[in-house]
């Protein structure tokens, strides 16, 4: 079995999940927004722009809620 203590393992898990989820969120949003052209408006907003910005705000709120939920739990150091 591993020699790592449980509280250090939990801290490492939380940190890696935060970095991983944040990087995945940025990858998805840069793909949708920049590569598909939904981030910028041409002359007026298109349905793709509305869909992208709705997704962007909703997923940002969900990600922040997940981070708050993850980091507000106490790490047991029994």
C-alpha atoms as a PDB file:
ATOM      1  CA  UNK A   1       0.000   0.000   0.000  1.00  0.00           C
ATOM      2  CA  UNK A   2       1.016   3.623  -0.326  1.00  0.00           C
ATOM      3  CA  UNK A   3       3.008   5.421   2.361  1.00  0.00           C
ATOM      4  CA  UNK A   4       1.196   8.715   1.767  1.00  0.00           C
ATOM      5  CA  UNK A   5      -0.927   9.999   4.619  1.00  0.00           C
ATOM      6  CA  UNK A   6      -4.647  10.322   4.038  1.00  0.00           C
ATOM      7  CA  UNK A   7      -4.811  14.102   4.507  1.00  0.00           C
ATOM      8  CA  UNK A   8      -1.952  14.676   2.043  1.00  0.00           C
ATOM      9  CA  UNK A   9      -3.622  12.324  -0.440  1.00  0.00           C
ATOM     10  CA  UNK A  10      -6.923  14.196  -0.119  1.00  0.00           C
ATOM     11  CA  UNK A  11      -5.211  17.567  -0.621  1.00  0.00           C
ATOM     12  CA  UNK A  12      -3.411  16.257  -3.706  1.00  0.00           C
ATOM     13  CA  UNK A  13      -6.662  14.797  -5.068  1.00  0.00           C
ATOM     14  CA  UNK A  14      -8.520  18.090  -4.596  1.00  0.00           C
ATOM     15  CA  UNK A  15      -5.726  20.079  -6.204  1.00  0.00           C
ATOM     16  CA  UNK A  16      -5.468  17.766  -9.211  1.00  0.00           C
ATOM     17  CA  UNK A  17      -9.248  17.722  -9.688  1.00  0.00           C
ATOM     18  CA  UNK A  18      -9.369  21.519  -9.553  1.00  0.00           C
ATOM     19  CA  UNK A  19      -6.605  21.894 -12.131  1.00  0.00           C
ATOM     20  CA  UNK A  20      -8.033  19.129 -14.355  1.00  0.00           C
ATOM     21  CA  UNK A  21     -11.609  20.398 -14.339  1.00  0.00           C
ATOM     22  CA  UNK A  22     -10.427  23.971 -14.941  1.00  0.00           C
ATOM     23  CA  UNK A  23      -8.231  22.931 -17.861  1.00  0.00           C
ATOM     24  CA  UNK A  24     -11.003  20.823 -19.403  1.00  0.00           C
ATOM     25  CA  UNK A  25     -13.446  23.734 -19.049  1.00  0.00           C
ATOM     26  CA  UNK A  26     -11.013  26.093 -20.792  1.00  0.00           C
ATOM     27  CA  UNK A  27     -10.347  23.548 -23.564  1.00  0.00           C
ATOM     28  CA  UNK A  28     -14.042  23.017 -24.277  1.00  0.00           C
ATOM     29  CA  UNK A  29     -14.841  26.727 -24.246  1.00  0.00           C
ATOM     30  CA  UNK A  30     -11.900  27.682 -26.433  1.00  0.00           C
ATOM     31  CA  UNK A  31     -12.895  24.992 -28.917  1.00  0.00           C
ATOM     32  CA  UNK A  32     -16.517  26.076 -29.033  1.00  0.00           C
ATOM     33  CA  UNK A  33     -15.841  29.791 -28.933  1.00  0.00           C
ATOM     34  CA  UNK A  34     -12.728  30.311 -31.002  1.00  0.00           C
ATOM     35  CA  UNK A  35     -12.546  27.395 -33.409  1.00  0.00           C
ATOM     36  CA  UNK A  36     -16.241  27.454 -34.296  1.00  0.00           C
ATOM     37  CA  UNK A  37     -16.310  31.256 -34.300  1.00  0.00           C
ATOM     38  CA  UNK A  38     -19.060  31.631 -31.696  1.00  0.00           C
ATOM     39  CA  UNK A  39     -17.022  33.878 -29.376  1.00  0.00           C
ATOM     40  CA  UNK A  40     -16.968  36.877 -31.715  1.00  0.00           C
ATOM     41  CA  UNK A  41     -19.915  38.675 -33.318  1.00  0.00           C
ATOM     42  CA  UNK A  42     -19.748  39.472 -37.016  1.00  0.00           C
ATOM     43  CA  UNK A  43     -22.313  42.217 -37.543  1.00  0.00           C
ATOM     44  CA  UNK A  44     -24.974  40.938 -35.165  1.00  0.00           C
ATOM     45  CA  UNK A  45     -25.251  37.986 -32.782  1.00  0.00           C
ATOM     46  CA  UNK A  46     -26.150  34.618 -34.273  1.00  0.00           C
ATOM     47  CA  UNK A  47     -27.941  31.736 -32.551  1.00  0.00           C
ATOM     48  CA  UNK A  48     -24.517  30.109 -32.131  1.00  0.00           C
ATOM     49  CA  UNK A  49     -23.327  33.137 -30.156  1.00  0.00           C
ATOM     50  CA  UNK A  50     -26.342  32.968 -27.865  1.00  0.00           C
ATOM     51  CA  UNK A  51     -25.898  29.233 -27.385  1.00  0.00           C
ATOM     52  CA  UNK A  52     -22.194  29.614 -26.664  1.00  0.00           C
ATOM     53  CA  UNK A  53     -22.596  32.413 -24.126  1.00  0.00           C
ATOM     54  CA  UNK A  54     -25.454  30.581 -22.392  1.00  0.00           C
ATOM     55  CA  UNK A  55     -23.231  27.488 -22.147  1.00  0.00           C
ATOM     56  CA  UNK A  56     -20.269  29.599 -21.012  1.00  0.00           C
ATOM     57  CA  UNK A  57     -22.118  31.289 -18.128  1.00  0.00           C
ATOM     58  CA  UNK A  58     -23.911  28.084 -17.078  1.00  0.00           C
ATOM     59  CA  UNK A  59     -20.803  25.931 -17.122  1.00  0.00           C
ATOM     60  CA  UNK A  60     -18.775  28.618 -15.318  1.00  0.00           C
ATOM     61  CA  UNK A  61     -21.377  28.757 -12.547  1.00  0.00           C
ATOM     62  CA  UNK A  62     -21.424  24.957 -12.289  1.00  0.00           C
ATOM     63  CA  UNK A  63     -17.633  24.784 -12.157  1.00  0.00           C
ATOM     64  CA  UNK A  64     -17.390  27.454  -9.444  1.00  0.00           C
ATOM     65  CA  UNK A  65     -20.104  25.645  -7.450  1.00  0.00           C
ATOM     66  CA  UNK A  66     -18.135  22.382  -7.788  1.00  0.00           C
ATOM     67  CA  UNK A  67     -14.934  24.076  -6.603  1.00  0.00           C
ATOM     68  CA  UNK A  68     -16.668  25.638  -3.606  1.00  0.00           C
ATOM     69  CA  UNK A  69     -18.291  22.312  -2.717  1.00  0.00           C
ATOM     70  CA  UNK A  70     -14.992  20.454  -3.079  1.00  0.00           C
ATOM     71  CA  UNK A  71     -12.865  22.889  -1.070  1.00  0.00           C
ATOM     72  CA  UNK A  72     -15.384  23.621   1.699  1.00  0.00           C
ATOM     73  CA  UNK A  73     -15.203  20.053   3.043  1.00  0.00           C
ATOM     74  CA  UNK A  74     -12.864  19.653   5.981  1.00  0.00           C
ATOM     75  CA  UNK A  75      -9.845  17.388   5.530  1.00  0.00           C
ATOM     76  CA  UNK A  76      -9.800  14.873   8.335  1.00  0.00           C
ATOM     77  CA  UNK A  77      -6.364  14.650   9.917  1.00  0.00           C
ATOM     78  CA  UNK A  78      -7.203  11.908  12.434  1.00  0.00           C
END
